[in-house]
PDB file of N, CA and C in Angstrom:
ATOM      1  N   MET A   1      46.529 -91.719   9.541  1.00  0.00           N
ATOM      2  CA  MET A   1      46.056 -92.421   8.360  1.00  0.00           C
ATOM      3  C   MET A   1      45.397 -93.736   8.807  1.00  0.00           C
ATOM      4  N   GLU A   2      44.224 -94.007   8.284  1.00  0.00           N
ATOM      5  CA  GLU A   2      43.512 -95.225   8.684  1.00  0.00           C
ATOM      6  C   GLU A   2      44.077 -96.441   7.959  1.00  0.00           C
ATOM      7  N   PRO A   3      43.961 -97.613   8.571  1.00  0.00           N
ATOM      8  CA  PRO A   3      44.487 -98.823   7.924  1.00  0.00           C
ATOM      9  C   PRO A   3      43.689 -99.160   6.671  1.00  0.00           C
ATOM     10  N   ASP A   4      44.339 -99.877   5.768  1.00  0.00           N
ATOM     11  CA  ASP A   4      43.651-100.323   4.554  1.00  0.00           C
ATOM     12  C   ASP A   4      42.486-101.220   4.939  1.00  0.00           C
ATOM     13  N   PRO A   5      41.373-101.125   4.216  1.00  0.00           N
ATOM     14  CA  PRO A   5      40.251-102.023   4.506  1.00  0.00           C
ATOM     15  C   PRO A   5      40.627-103.463   4.179  1.00  0.00           C
ATOM     16  N   ALA A   6      39.869-104.371   4.763  1.00  0.00           N
ATOM     17  CA  ALA A   6      40.158-105.785   4.550  1.00  0.00           C
ATOM     18  C   ALA A   6      40.066-106.151   3.076  1.00  0.00           C
ATOM     19  N   ILE A   7      38.985-105.728   2.409  1.00  0.00           N
ATOM     20  CA  ILE A   7      38.863-105.964   0.963  1.00  0.00           C
ATOM     21  C   ILE A   7      38.182-104.777   0.308  1.00  0.00           C
ATOM     22  N   ILE A   8      38.404-104.643  -0.993  1.00  0.00           N
ATOM     23  CA  ILE A   8      37.754-103.623  -1.818  1.00  0.00           C
ATOM     24  C   ILE A   8      37.162-104.348  -3.020  1.00  0.00           C
ATOM     25  N   ARG A   9      35.875-104.105  -3.291  1.00  0.00           N
ATOM     26  CA  ARG A   9      35.212-104.718  -4.452  1.00  0.00           C
ATOM     27  C   ARG A   9      34.593-103.611  -5.301  1.00  0.00           C
ATOM     28  N   HIS A  10      34.777-103.724  -6.613  1.00  0.00           N
ATOM     29  CA  HIS A  10      34.228-102.802  -7.612  1.00  0.00           C
ATOM     30  C   HIS A  10      33.054-103.512  -8.274  1.00  0.00           C
ATOM     31  N   VAL A  11      31.883-102.889  -8.267  1.00  0.00           N
ATOM     32  CA  VAL A  11      30.649-103.560  -8.655  1.00  0.00           C
ATOM     33  C   VAL A  11      29.908-102.750  -9.723  1.00  0.00           C
ATOM     34  N   ILE A  12      29.349-103.452 -10.726  1.00  0.00           N
ATOM     35  CA  ILE A  12      28.460-102.856 -11.727  1.00  0.00           C
ATOM     36  C   ILE A  12      27.117-103.573 -11.607  1.00  0.00           C
ATOM     37  N   ILE A  13      26.039-102.787 -11.464  1.00  0.00           N
ATOM     38  CA  ILE A  13      24.690-103.344 -11.337  1.00  0.00           C
ATOM     39  C   ILE A  13      23.898-102.922 -12.572  1.00  0.00           C
ATOM     40  N   ARG A  14      23.302-103.901 -13.255  1.00  0.00           N
ATOM     41  CA  ARG A  14      22.538-103.632 -14.480  1.00  0.00           C
ATOM     42  C   ARG A  14      21.082-104.050 -14.286  1.00  0.00           C
ATOM     43  N   GLY A  15      20.209-103.362 -15.002  1.00  0.00           N
ATOM     44  CA  GLY A  15      18.770-103.616 -14.944  1.00  0.00           C
ATOM     45  C   GLY A  15      18.047-102.284 -14.853  1.00  0.00           C
ATOM     46  N   ARG A  16      16.875-102.282 -14.223  1.00  0.00           N
ATOM     47  CA  ARG A  16      16.189-101.011 -13.990  1.00  0.00           C
ATOM     48  C   ARG A  16      16.666-100.505 -12.638  1.00  0.00           C
ATOM     49  N   VAL A  17      17.786 -99.792 -12.670  1.00  0.00           N
ATOM     50  CA  VAL A  17      18.453 -99.375 -11.451  1.00  0.00           C
ATOM     51  C   VAL A  17      18.674 -97.864 -11.373  1.00  0.00           C
ATOM     52  N   GLN A  18      18.152 -97.134 -12.345  1.00  0.00           N
ATOM     53  CA  GLN A  18      18.193 -95.674 -12.281  1.00  0.00           C
ATOM     54  C   GLN A  18      16.755 -95.168 -12.213  1.00  0.00           C
ATOM     55  N   GLY A  19      16.571 -94.082 -11.439  1.00  0.00           N
ATOM     56  CA  GLY A  19      15.234 -93.506 -11.291  1.00  0.00           C
ATOM     57  C   GLY A  19      14.371 -94.252 -10.282  1.00  0.00           C
ATOM     58  N   VAL A  20      14.986 -95.136  -9.493  1.00  0.00           N
ATOM     59  CA  VAL A  20      14.242 -95.908  -8.493  1.00  0.00           C
ATOM     60  C   VAL A  20      14.862 -95.764  -7.095  1.00  0.00           C
ATOM     61  N   GLY A  21      15.742 -94.792  -6.903  1.00  0.00           N
ATOM     62  CA  GLY A  21      16.370 -94.572  -5.608  1.00  0.00           C
ATOM     63  C   GLY A  21      17.508 -95.517  -5.294  1.00  0.00           C
ATOM     64  N   TYR A  22      18.081 -96.134  -6.331  1.00  0.00           N
ATOM     65  CA  TYR A  22      19.129 -97.137  -6.099  1.00  0.00           C
ATOM     66  C   TYR A  22      20.371 -96.534  -5.436  1.00  0.00           C
ATOM     67  N   ARG A  23      20.794 -95.351  -5.880  1.00  0.00           N
ATOM     68  CA  ARG A  23      22.004 -94.753  -5.288  1.00  0.00           C
ATOM     69  C   ARG A  23      21.792 -94.419  -3.814  1.00  0.00           C
ATOM     70  N   ALA A  24      20.656 -93.793  -3.486  1.00  0.00           N
ATOM     71  CA  ALA A  24      20.377 -93.442  -2.089  1.00  0.00           C
ATOM     72  C   ALA A  24      20.268 -94.701  -1.230  1.00  0.00           C
ATOM     73  N   TRP A  25      19.606 -95.726  -1.751  1.00  0.00           N
ATOM     74  CA  TRP A  25      19.484 -96.993  -1.032  1.00  0.00           C
ATOM     75  C   TRP A  25      20.866 -97.608  -0.805  1.00  0.00           C
ATOM     76  N   THR A  26      21.723 -97.563  -1.829  1.00  0.00           N
ATOM     77  CA  THR A  26      23.069 -98.118  -1.711  1.00  0.00           C
ATOM     78  C   THR A  26      23.862 -97.375  -0.647  1.00  0.00           C
ATOM     79  N   GLU A  27      23.805 -96.058  -0.678  1.00  0.00           N
ATOM     80  CA  GLU A  27      24.522 -95.263   0.325  1.00  0.00           C
ATOM     81  C   GLU A  27      24.036 -95.625   1.733  1.00  0.00           C
ATOM     82  N   TYR A  28      22.733 -95.621   1.940  1.00  0.00           N
ATOM     83  CA  TYR A  28      22.168 -95.923   3.262  1.00  0.00           C
ATOM     84  C   TYR A  28      22.577 -97.327   3.723  1.00  0.00           C
ATOM     85  N   THR A  29      22.444 -98.303   2.846  1.00  0.00           N
ATOM     86  CA  THR A  29      22.736 -99.693   3.196  1.00  0.00           C
ATOM     87  C   THR A  29      24.215 -99.885   3.490  1.00  0.00           C
ATOM     88  N   ALA A  30      25.089 -99.290   2.680  1.00  0.00           N
ATOM     89  CA  ALA A  30      26.534 -99.422   2.887  1.00  0.00           C
ATOM     90  C   ALA A  30      26.959 -98.768   4.203  1.00  0.00           C
ATOM     91  N   VAL A  31      26.448 -97.575   4.469  1.00  0.00           N
ATOM     92  CA  VAL A  31      26.790 -96.892   5.717  1.00  0.00           C
ATOM     93  C   VAL A  31      26.285 -97.714   6.904  1.00  0.00           C
ATOM     94  N   ASP A  32      25.084 -98.274   6.779  1.00  0.00           N
ATOM     95  CA  ASP A  32      24.520 -99.117   7.842  1.00  0.00           C
ATOM     96  C   ASP A  32      25.401-100.343   8.103  1.00  0.00           C
ATOM     97  N   GLN A  33      26.055-100.855   7.056  1.00  0.00           N
ATOM     98  CA  GLN A  33      26.965-102.009   7.175  1.00  0.00           C
ATOM     99  C   GLN A  33      28.364-101.592   7.644  1.00  0.00           C
ATOM    100  N   GLY A  34      28.605-100.277   7.776  1.00  0.00           N
ATOM    101  CA  GLY A  34      29.918 -99.794   8.202  1.00  0.00           C
ATOM    102  C   GLY A  34      30.958 -99.803   7.104  1.00  0.00           C
ATOM    103  N   LEU A  35      30.504 -99.756   5.847  1.00  0.00           N
ATOM    104  CA  LEU A  35      31.429 -99.819   4.714  1.00  0.00           C
ATOM    105  C   LEU A  35      31.852 -98.437   4.247  1.00  0.00           C
ATOM    106  N   ASP A  36      33.017 -98.359   3.655  1.00  0.00           N
ATOM    107  CA  ASP A  36      33.487 -97.182   2.940  1.00  0.00           C
ATOM    108  C   ASP A  36      33.264 -97.420   1.456  1.00  0.00           C
ATOM    109  N   GLY A  37      33.280 -96.326   0.673  1.00  0.00           N
ATOM    110  CA  GLY A  37      33.187 -96.473  -0.775  1.00  0.00           C
ATOM    111  C   GLY A  37      32.387 -95.377  -1.424  1.00  0.00           C
ATOM    112  N   TRP A  38      31.806 -95.702  -2.570  1.00  0.00           N
ATOM    113  CA  TRP A  38      31.017 -94.732  -3.326  1.00  0.00           C
ATOM    114  C   TRP A  38      30.068 -95.444  -4.284  1.00  0.00           C
ATOM    115  N   VAL A  39      29.110 -94.667  -4.811  1.00  0.00           N
ATOM    116  CA  VAL A  39      28.154 -95.165  -5.792  1.00  0.00           C
ATOM    117  C   VAL A  39      27.863 -94.045  -6.782  1.00  0.00           C
ATOM    118  N   ARG A  40      27.589 -94.415  -8.041  1.00  0.00           N
ATOM    119  CA  ARG A  40      27.200 -93.412  -9.046  1.00  0.00           C
ATOM    120  C   ARG A  40      26.434 -94.087 -10.166  1.00  0.00           C
ATOM    121  N   ASN A  41      25.607 -93.289 -10.849  1.00  0.00           N
ATOM    122  CA  ASN A  41      24.967 -93.735 -12.083  1.00  0.00           C
ATOM    123  C   ASN A  41      25.998 -93.684 -13.203  1.00  0.00           C
ATOM    124  N   ARG A  42      25.785 -94.535 -14.197  1.00  0.00           N
ATOM    125  CA  ARG A  42      26.595 -94.485 -15.407  1.00  0.00           C
ATOM    126  C   ARG A  42      25.686 -94.150 -16.584  1.00  0.00           C
ATOM    127  N   ARG A  43      26.258 -93.516 -17.580  1.00  0.00           N
ATOM    128  CA  ARG A  43      25.468 -93.075 -18.736  1.00  0.00           C
ATOM    129  C   ARG A  43      24.812 -94.235 -19.478  1.00  0.00           C
ATOM    130  N   ASP A  44      25.359 -95.453 -19.339  1.00  0.00           N
ATOM    131  CA  ASP A  44      24.778 -96.610 -20.030  1.00  0.00           C
ATOM    132  C   ASP A  44      23.553 -97.181 -19.298  1.00  0.00           C
ATOM    133  N   GLY A  45      23.142 -96.531 -18.187  1.00  0.00           N
ATOM    134  CA  GLY A  45      21.965 -96.986 -17.450  1.00  0.00           C
ATOM    135  C   GLY A  45      22.268 -97.886 -16.277  1.00  0.00           C
ATOM    136  N   SER A  46      23.539 -98.235 -16.081  1.00  0.00           N
ATOM    137  CA  SER A  46      23.920 -99.082 -14.949  1.00  0.00           C
ATOM    138  C   SER A  46      24.260 -98.208 -13.741  1.00  0.00           C
ATOM    139  N   VAL A  47      24.473 -98.862 -12.622  1.00  0.00           N
ATOM    140  CA  VAL A  47      24.973 -98.215 -11.414  1.00  0.00           C
ATOM    141  C   VAL A  47      26.315 -98.860 -11.091  1.00  0.00           C
ATOM    142  N   GLU A  48      27.277 -98.037 -10.713  1.00  0.00           N
ATOM    143  CA  GLU A  48      28.625 -98.497 -10.386  1.00  0.00           C
ATOM    144  C   GLU A  48      28.902 -98.167  -8.925  1.00  0.00           C
ATOM    145  N   ALA A  49      29.552 -99.073  -8.217  1.00  0.00           N
ATOM    146  CA  ALA A  49      29.858 -98.838  -6.810  1.00  0.00           C
ATOM    147  C   ALA A  49      31.177 -99.484  -6.434  1.00  0.00           C
ATOM    148  N   VAL A  50      31.783 -98.947  -5.394  1.00  0.00           N
ATOM    149  CA  VAL A  50      32.957 -99.545  -4.769  1.00  0.00           C
ATOM    150  C   VAL A  50      32.647 -99.684  -3.287  1.00  0.00           C
ATOM    151  N   PHE A  51      32.880-100.880  -2.749  1.00  0.00           N
ATOM    152  CA  PHE A  51      32.644-101.157  -1.333  1.00  0.00           C
ATOM    153  C   PHE A  51      33.945-101.624  -0.701  1.00  0.00           C
ATOM    154  N   ALA A  52      34.253-101.103   0.481  1.00  0.00           N
ATOM    155  CA  ALA A  52      35.469-101.479   1.187  1.00  0.00           C
ATOM    156  C   ALA A  52      35.144-101.736   2.648  1.00  0.00           C
ATOM    157  N   GLY A  53      35.711-102.827   3.176  1.00  0.00           N
ATOM    158  CA  GLY A  53      35.505-103.152   4.573  1.00  0.00           C
ATOM    159  C   GLY A  53      35.723-104.624   4.826  1.00  0.00           C
ATOM    160  N   PRO A  54      35.210-105.116   5.955  1.00  0.00           N
ATOM    161  CA  PRO A  54      35.370-106.536   6.276  1.00  0.00           C
ATOM    162  C   PRO A  54      34.752-107.424   5.198  1.00  0.00           C
ATOM    163  N   PRO A  55      35.401-108.523   4.861  1.00  0.00           N
ATOM    164  CA  PRO A  55      34.909-109.382   3.778  1.00  0.00           C
ATOM    165  C   PRO A  55      33.441-109.801   3.931  1.00  0.00           C
ATOM    166  N   ASP A  56      33.013-110.160   5.138  1.00  0.00           N
ATOM    167  CA  ASP A  56      31.617-110.581   5.326  1.00  0.00           C
ATOM    168  C   ASP A  56      30.646-109.456   5.007  1.00  0.00           C
ATOM    169  N   ALA A  57      30.954-108.246   5.492  1.00  0.00           N
ATOM    170  CA  ALA A  57      30.068-107.105   5.265  1.00  0.00           C
ATOM    171  C   ALA A  57      30.024-106.730   3.787  1.00  0.00           C
ATOM    172  N   VAL A  58      31.178-106.766   3.111  1.00  0.00           N
ATOM    173  CA  VAL A  58      31.213-106.462   1.678  1.00  0.00           C
ATOM    174  C   VAL A  58      30.407-107.515   0.911  1.00  0.00           C
ATOM    175  N   GLY A  59      30.563-108.777   1.261  1.00  0.00           N
ATOM    176  CA  GLY A  59      29.797-109.838   0.612  1.00  0.00           C
ATOM    177  C   GLY A  59      28.300-109.670   0.812  1.00  0.00           C
ATOM    178  N   GLU A  60      27.890-109.316   2.023  1.00  0.00           N
ATOM    179  CA  GLU A  60      26.471-109.078   2.296  1.00  0.00           C
ATOM    180  C   GLU A  60      25.950-107.901   1.477  1.00  0.00           C
ATOM    181  N   MET A  61      26.774-106.860   1.321  1.00  0.00           N
ATOM    182  CA  MET A  61      26.366-105.693   0.541  1.00  0.00           C
ATOM    183  C   MET A  61      26.180-106.065  -0.924  1.00  0.00           C
ATOM    184  N   ILE A  62      27.083-106.852  -1.470  1.00  0.00           N
ATOM    185  CA  ILE A  62      26.947-107.262  -2.874  1.00  0.00           C
ATOM    186  C   ILE A  62      25.693-108.114  -3.044  1.00  0.00           C
ATOM    187  N   GLU A  63      25.411-108.993  -2.096  1.00  0.00           N
ATOM    188  CA  GLU A  63      24.172-109.785  -2.159  1.00  0.00           C
ATOM    189  C   GLU A  63      22.952-108.880  -2.087  1.00  0.00           C
ATOM    190  N   ALA A  64      22.987-107.862  -1.231  1.00  0.00           N
ATOM    191  CA  ALA A  64      21.871-106.917  -1.141  1.00  0.00           C
ATOM    192  C   ALA A  64      21.681-106.182  -2.463  1.00  0.00           C
ATOM    193  N   CYS A  65      22.777-105.887  -3.165  1.00  0.00           N
ATOM    194  CA  CYS A  65      22.683-105.200  -4.463  1.00  0.00           C
ATOM    195  C   CYS A  65      21.953-106.051  -5.496  1.00  0.00           C
ATOM    196  N   ARG A  66      21.968-107.360  -5.340  1.00  0.00           N
ATOM    197  CA  ARG A  66      21.250-108.241  -6.264  1.00  0.00           C
ATOM    198  C   ARG A  66      19.734-108.059  -6.136  1.00  0.00           C
ATOM    199  N   ARG A  67      19.277-107.587  -4.983  1.00  0.00           N
ATOM    200  CA  ARG A  67      17.858-107.298  -4.762  1.00  0.00           C
ATOM    201  C   ARG A  67      17.556-105.827  -5.036  1.00  0.00           C
ATOM    202  N   GLY A  68      18.343-104.949  -4.419  1.00  0.00           N
ATOM    203  CA  GLY A  68      18.149-103.514  -4.574  1.00  0.00           C
ATOM    204  C   GLY A  68      16.939-103.019  -3.812  1.00  0.00           C
ATOM    205  N   PRO A  69      16.612-101.736  -3.991  1.00  0.00           N
ATOM    206  CA  PRO A  69      15.471-101.142  -3.305  1.00  0.00           C
ATOM    207  C   PRO A  69      14.157-101.535  -3.983  1.00  0.00           C
ATOM    208  N   PRO A  70      13.029-101.290  -3.304  1.00  0.00           N
ATOM    209  CA  PRO A  70      11.735-101.519  -3.962  1.00  0.00           C
ATOM    210  C   PRO A  70      11.680-100.721  -5.271  1.00  0.00           C
ATOM    211  N   GLY A  71      11.138-101.306  -6.300  1.00  0.00           N
ATOM    212  CA  GLY A  71      11.031-100.637  -7.598  1.00  0.00           C
ATOM    213  C   GLY A  71      12.176-100.942  -8.543  1.00  0.00           C
ATOM    214  N   ALA A  72      13.272-101.451  -8.025  1.00  0.00           N
ATOM    215  CA  ALA A  72      14.405-101.810  -8.892  1.00  0.00           C
ATOM    216  C   ALA A  72      14.192-103.214  -9.451  1.00  0.00           C
ATOM    217  N   ARG A  73      14.775-103.426 -10.625  1.00  0.00           N
ATOM    218  CA  ARG A  73      14.833-104.777 -11.204  1.00  0.00           C
ATOM    219  C   ARG A  73      16.291-105.010 -11.576  1.00  0.00           C
ATOM    220  N   VAL A  74      16.946-105.854 -10.825  1.00  0.00           N
ATOM    221  CA  VAL A  74      18.365-106.120 -11.057  1.00  0.00           C
ATOM    222  C   VAL A  74      18.488-107.328 -11.968  1.00  0.00           C
ATOM    223  N   ASP A  75      19.126-107.111 -13.120  1.00  0.00           N
ATOM    224  CA  ASP A  75      19.342-108.192 -14.081  1.00  0.00           C
ATOM    225  C   ASP A  75      20.701-108.859 -13.899  1.00  0.00           C
ATOM    226  N   ALA A  76      21.707-108.090 -13.478  1.00  0.00           N
ATOM    227  CA  ALA A  76      23.060-108.637 -13.342  1.00  0.00           C
ATOM    228  C   ALA A  76      23.868-107.786 -12.374  1.00  0.00           C
ATOM    229  N   VAL A  77      24.732-108.449 -11.626  1.00  0.00           N
ATOM    230  CA  VAL A  77      25.699-107.784 -10.757  1.00  0.00           C
ATOM    231  C   VAL A  77      27.066-108.383 -11.076  1.00  0.00           C
ATOM    232  N   GLU A  78      27.969-107.530 -11.533  1.00  0.00           N
ATOM    233  CA  GLU A  78      29.335-107.952 -11.833  1.00  0.00           C
ATOM    234  C   GLU A  78      30.246-107.381 -10.752  1.00  0.00           C
ATOM    235  N   ALA A  79      31.021-108.225 -10.092  1.00  0.00           N
ATOM    236  CA  ALA A  79      31.923-107.766  -9.038  1.00  0.00           C
ATOM    237  C   ALA A  79      33.334-108.257  -9.332  1.00  0.00           C
ATOM    238  N   ARG A  80      34.286-107.379  -9.106  1.00  0.00           N
ATOM    239  CA  ARG A  80      35.691-107.731  -9.260  1.00  0.00           C
ATOM    240  C   ARG A  80      36.460-107.090  -8.117  1.00  0.00           C
ATOM    241  N   ASP A  81      37.695-107.509  -7.945  1.00  0.00           N
ATOM    242  CA  ASP A  81      38.534-106.885  -6.933  1.00  0.00           C
ATOM    243  C   ASP A  81      38.726-105.415  -7.281  1.00  0.00           C
ATOM    244  N   GLY A  82      38.649-104.570  -6.270  1.00  0.00           N
ATOM    245  CA  GLY A  82      38.896-103.145  -6.442  1.00  0.00           C
ATOM    246  C   GLY A  82      40.289-102.792  -5.945  1.00  0.00           C
ATOM    247  N   THR A  83      40.659-101.542  -6.145  1.00  0.00           N
ATOM    248  CA  THR A  83      41.979-101.052  -5.751  1.00  0.00           C
ATOM    249  C   THR A  83      41.830 -99.844  -4.826  1.00  0.00           C
ATOM    250  N   ASN A  84      42.923 -99.481  -4.182  1.00  0.00           N
ATOM    251  CA  ASN A  84      42.911 -98.248  -3.386  1.00  0.00           C
ATOM    252  C   ASN A  84      42.618 -97.037  -4.260  1.00  0.00           C
ATOM    253  N   ALA A  85      43.057 -97.070  -5.520  1.00  0.00           N
ATOM    254  CA  ALA A  85      42.759 -95.966  -6.441  1.00  0.00           C
ATOM    255  C   ALA A  85      41.254 -95.886  -6.710  1.00  0.00           C
ATOM    256  N   ASP A  86      40.577 -97.048  -6.861  1.00  0.00           N
ATOM    257  CA  ASP A  86      39.123 -97.049  -7.016  1.00  0.00           C
ATOM    258  C   ASP A  86      38.472 -96.388  -5.809  1.00  0.00           C
ATOM    259  N   LEU A  87      38.912 -96.761  -4.632  1.00  0.00           N
ATOM    260  CA  LEU A  87      38.332 -96.257  -3.395  1.00  0.00           C
ATOM    261  C   LEU A  87      38.578 -94.764  -3.222  1.00  0.00           C
ATOM    262  N   ALA A  88      39.720 -94.270  -3.675  1.00  0.00           N
ATOM    263  CA  ALA A  88      40.102 -92.870  -3.493  1.00  0.00           C
ATOM    264  C   ALA A  88      39.154 -91.904  -4.189  1.00  0.00           C
ATOM    265  N   ALA A  89      38.380 -92.377  -5.164  1.00  0.00           N
ATOM    266  CA  ALA A  89      37.453 -91.496  -5.873  1.00  0.00           C
ATOM    267  C   ALA A  89      36.418 -90.882  -4.939  1.00  0.00           C
ATOM    268  N   ARG A  90      36.223 -91.453  -3.762  1.00  0.00           N
ATOM    269  CA  ARG A  90      35.218 -90.949  -2.824  1.00  0.00           C
ATOM    270  C   ARG A  90      35.615 -89.637  -2.173  1.00  0.00           C
ATOM    271  N   GLY A  91      36.897 -89.268  -2.272  1.00  0.00           N
ATOM    272  CA  GLY A  91      37.364 -88.057  -1.603  1.00  0.00           C
ATOM    273  C   GLY A  91      37.495 -88.295  -0.113  1.00  0.00           C
ATOM    274  N   ARG A  92      37.082 -87.325   0.687  1.00  0.00           N
ATOM    275  CA  ARG A  92      37.236 -87.419   2.142  1.00  0.00           C
ATOM    276  C   ARG A  92      36.032 -88.050   2.830  1.00  0.00           C
ATOM    277  N   GLU A  93      34.973 -88.314   2.101  1.00  0.00           N
ATOM    278  CA  GLU A  93      33.777 -88.921   2.681  1.00  0.00           C
ATOM    279  C   GLU A  93      33.998 -90.408   2.916  1.00  0.00           C
ATOM    280  N   PRO A  94      33.456 -90.957   4.012  1.00  0.00           N
ATOM    281  CA  PRO A  94      33.530 -92.416   4.179  1.00  0.00           C
ATOM    282  C   PRO A  94      32.780 -93.145   3.057  1.00  0.00           C
ATOM    283  N   PHE A  95      31.571 -92.624   2.715  1.00  0.00           N
ATOM    284  CA  PHE A  95      30.817 -93.178   1.591  1.00  0.00           C
ATOM    285  C   PHE A  95      30.191 -92.001   0.839  1.00  0.00           C
ATOM    286  N   ALA A  96      30.379 -91.972  -0.482  1.00  0.00           N
ATOM    287  CA  ALA A  96      29.949 -90.826  -1.281  1.00  0.00           C
ATOM    288  C   ALA A  96      29.051 -91.248  -2.433  1.00  0.00           C
ATOM    289  N   VAL A  97      28.151 -90.336  -2.807  1.00  0.00           N
ATOM    290  CA  VAL A  97      27.392 -90.473  -4.051  1.00  0.00           C
ATOM    291  C   VAL A  97      28.084 -89.543  -5.045  1.00  0.00           C
ATOM    292  N   LEU A  98      28.656 -90.133  -6.090  1.00  0.00           N
ATOM    293  CA  LEU A  98      29.439 -89.376  -7.067  1.00  0.00           C
ATOM    294  C   LEU A  98      28.568 -88.993  -8.267  1.00  0.00           C
ATOM    295  N   PRO A  99      29.008 -87.986  -9.029  1.00  0.00           N
ATOM    296  CA  PRO A  99      28.280 -87.594 -10.243  1.00  0.00           C
ATOM    297  C   PRO A  99      28.292 -88.728 -11.284  1.00  0.00           C
ATOM    298  N   THR A 100      27.314 -88.684 -12.169  1.00  0.00           N
ATOM    299  CA  THR A 100      27.204 -89.661 -13.249  1.00  0.00           C
ATOM    300  C   THR A 100      28.473 -89.658 -14.089  1.00  0.00           C
ATOM    301  N   ALA A 101      28.895 -90.848 -14.495  1.00  0.00           N
ATOM    302  CA  ALA A 101      30.099 -90.984 -15.331  1.00  0.00           C
ATOM    303  C   ALA A 101      29.752 -91.649 -16.636  1.00  0.00           C
TER     304      ALA A 101
END
């Protein structure tokens, strides 16, 4: 069993963040940062993500989410502490793209 990550953050990104490759960009960027977690679209038009790993890397990822990929327009990023239960939604993948919720 792997050790618990240093921190877990649960994030909601609002704006024009669907239909612009935001989930794929998030997955690529998080994996590049060595983070665990998941990302998914939400029916309200937002994107939801959980990031787990070293505090600096998680902080950098949340800052990157404020910009997003080309074509995105991020209006707001809400971040709160996440839980191991939040992280468990990813299943066995280190980082997963989950179905819309």
